[in-house]
């Protein structure tokens, strides 16, 4: 487990994201329904959001902020280290 955590940290350090948010949902549908809510909140001419499909046929949200030259991605993936 320790080696796996080190590998994940190393991979993430190659392109460090500005913000990481981890939220736990009971199922994939509930998580993906949040994408539409986030699309509706995007305001302004410099921001654009779009729903896309990855290679595993799962939806993800891409948000582009042209003013700050940033892209962010929202994925619904299982959290492997989460325990209640």
C-alpha atoms as a PDB file:
ATOM      1  CA  UNK A   1       0.000   0.000   0.000  1.00  0.00           C
ATOM      2  CA  UNK A   2       2.853   2.386   0.829  1.00  0.00           C
ATOM      3  CA  UNK A   3       4.444   1.833  -2.584  1.00  0.00           C
ATOM      4  CA  UNK A   4       1.101   2.480  -4.327  1.00  0.00           C
ATOM      5  CA  UNK A   5       0.684   5.805  -2.500  1.00  0.00           C
ATOM      6  CA  UNK A   6       4.222   6.824  -3.489  1.00  0.00           C
ATOM      7  CA  UNK A   7       3.542   5.981  -7.136  1.00  0.00           C
ATOM      8  CA  UNK A   8       0.345   8.059  -7.117  1.00  0.00           C
ATOM      9  CA  UNK A   9       2.134  11.015  -5.515  1.00  0.00           C
ATOM     10  CA  UNK A  10       4.957  10.770  -8.066  1.00  0.00           C
ATOM     11  CA  UNK A  11       2.548  10.687 -11.030  1.00  0.00           C
ATOM     12  CA  UNK A  12       0.576  13.657  -9.673  1.00  0.00           C
ATOM     13  CA  UNK A  13       3.767  15.689  -9.169  1.00  0.00           C
ATOM     14  CA  UNK A  14       4.475  15.680 -12.904  1.00  0.00           C
ATOM     15  CA  UNK A  15       1.540  18.026 -13.553  1.00  0.00           C
ATOM     16  CA  UNK A  16       0.404  19.387 -10.226  1.00  0.00           C
ATOM     17  CA  UNK A  17      -3.250  20.443 -10.358  1.00  0.00           C
ATOM     18  CA  UNK A  18      -4.212  23.767  -8.819  1.00  0.00           C
ATOM     19  CA  UNK A  19      -7.093  22.258  -6.856  1.00  0.00           C
ATOM     20  CA  UNK A  20      -8.059  18.676  -6.036  1.00  0.00           C
ATOM     21  CA  UNK A  21     -11.509  17.992  -4.663  1.00  0.00           C
ATOM     22  CA  UNK A  22     -12.612  14.530  -3.635  1.00  0.00           C
ATOM     23  CA  UNK A  23     -16.281  13.921  -2.928  1.00  0.00           C
ATOM     24  CA  UNK A  24     -17.901  10.597  -2.195  1.00  0.00           C
ATOM     25  CA  UNK A  25     -21.159   9.631  -3.942  1.00  0.00           C
ATOM     26  CA  UNK A  26     -23.190   6.469  -3.484  1.00  0.00           C
ATOM     27  CA  UNK A  27     -23.265   5.651  -7.210  1.00  0.00           C
ATOM     28  CA  UNK A  28     -22.054   6.767 -10.634  1.00  0.00           C
ATOM     29  CA  UNK A  29     -25.398   8.262 -11.702  1.00  0.00           C
ATOM     30  CA  UNK A  30     -25.535  10.560  -8.671  1.00  0.00           C
ATOM     31  CA  UNK A  31     -21.989  11.743  -9.321  1.00  0.00           C
ATOM     32  CA  UNK A  32     -22.576  12.365 -13.045  1.00  0.00           C
ATOM     33  CA  UNK A  33     -25.775  14.310 -12.290  1.00  0.00           C
ATOM     34  CA  UNK A  34     -23.570  16.941 -10.604  1.00  0.00           C
ATOM     35  CA  UNK A  35     -21.951  17.688 -13.972  1.00  0.00           C
ATOM     36  CA  UNK A  36     -25.119  19.331 -15.273  1.00  0.00           C
ATOM     37  CA  UNK A  37     -25.453  21.420 -12.109  1.00  0.00           C
ATOM     38  CA  UNK A  38     -21.885  22.651 -12.576  1.00  0.00           C
ATOM     39  CA  UNK A  39     -22.478  23.472 -16.241  1.00  0.00           C
ATOM     40  CA  UNK A  40     -25.410  25.675 -15.255  1.00  0.00           C
ATOM     41  CA  UNK A  41     -23.235  27.588 -12.768  1.00  0.00           C
ATOM     42  CA  UNK A  42     -20.539  28.503 -15.296  1.00  0.00           C
ATOM     43  CA  UNK A  43     -20.920  32.190 -16.093  1.00  0.00           C
ATOM     44  CA  UNK A  44     -19.022  34.598 -18.312  1.00  0.00           C
ATOM     45  CA  UNK A  45     -17.680  34.788 -21.827  1.00  0.00           C
ATOM     46  CA  UNK A  46     -14.272  33.447 -20.886  1.00  0.00           C
ATOM     47  CA  UNK A  47     -15.517  30.185 -19.358  1.00  0.00           C
ATOM     48  CA  UNK A  48     -16.904  27.238 -21.252  1.00  0.00           C
ATOM     49  CA  UNK A  49     -17.926  23.804 -20.046  1.00  0.00           C
ATOM     50  CA  UNK A  50     -18.634  20.630 -21.982  1.00  0.00           C
ATOM     51  CA  UNK A  51     -19.530  17.031 -21.203  1.00  0.00           C
ATOM     52  CA  UNK A  52     -17.277  14.424 -22.796  1.00  0.00           C
ATOM     53  CA  UNK A  53     -16.903  10.636 -22.759  1.00  0.00           C
ATOM     54  CA  UNK A  54     -13.635   8.915 -21.819  1.00  0.00           C
ATOM     55  CA  UNK A  55     -12.188   5.638 -23.145  1.00  0.00           C
ATOM     56  CA  UNK A  56     -14.116   3.697 -20.459  1.00  0.00           C
ATOM     57  CA  UNK A  57     -17.422   5.162 -21.721  1.00  0.00           C
ATOM     58  CA  UNK A  58     -17.807   7.311 -18.581  1.00  0.00           C
ATOM     59  CA  UNK A  59     -18.831  10.953 -18.669  1.00  0.00           C
ATOM     60  CA  UNK A  60     -16.503  13.690 -17.519  1.00  0.00           C
ATOM     61  CA  UNK A  61     -16.747  17.465 -17.423  1.00  0.00           C
ATOM     62  CA  UNK A  62     -14.168  19.754 -19.005  1.00  0.00           C
ATOM     63  CA  UNK A  63     -14.139  23.427 -17.996  1.00  0.00           C
ATOM     64  CA  UNK A  64     -11.998  25.913 -19.925  1.00  0.00           C
ATOM     65  CA  UNK A  65     -11.154  29.339 -18.501  1.00  0.00           C
ATOM     66  CA  UNK A  66      -9.716  31.299 -21.431  1.00  0.00           C
ATOM     67  CA  UNK A  67      -8.929  34.413 -19.359  1.00  0.00           C
ATOM     68  CA  UNK A  68      -6.529  32.489 -17.119  1.00  0.00           C
ATOM     69  CA  UNK A  69      -5.525  29.867 -19.705  1.00  0.00           C
ATOM     70  CA  UNK A  70      -6.707  27.009 -17.443  1.00  0.00           C
ATOM     71  CA  UNK A  71      -8.535  23.730 -17.945  1.00  0.00           C
ATOM     72  CA  UNK A  72     -10.101  21.655 -15.227  1.00  0.00           C
ATOM     73  CA  UNK A  73     -11.620  18.209 -15.404  1.00  0.00           C
ATOM     74  CA  UNK A  74     -14.276  16.571 -13.235  1.00  0.00           C
ATOM     75  CA  UNK A  75     -14.305  12.776 -13.177  1.00  0.00           C
ATOM     76  CA  UNK A  76     -16.475  10.223 -11.402  1.00  0.00           C
ATOM     77  CA  UNK A  77     -14.059   7.507 -10.355  1.00  0.00           C
ATOM     78  CA  UNK A  78     -14.057   5.161  -7.406  1.00  0.00           C
ATOM     79  CA  UNK A  79     -12.082   6.413  -4.429  1.00  0.00           C
ATOM     80  CA  UNK A  80      -9.781   3.558  -3.491  1.00  0.00           C
ATOM     81  CA  UNK A  81      -8.694   4.937  -0.107  1.00  0.00           C
ATOM     82  CA  UNK A  82     -12.147   5.914   1.197  1.00  0.00           C
ATOM     83  CA  UNK A  83     -13.576   4.175   4.249  1.00  0.00           C
ATOM     84  CA  UNK A  84     -16.568   5.045   6.389  1.00  0.00           C
END
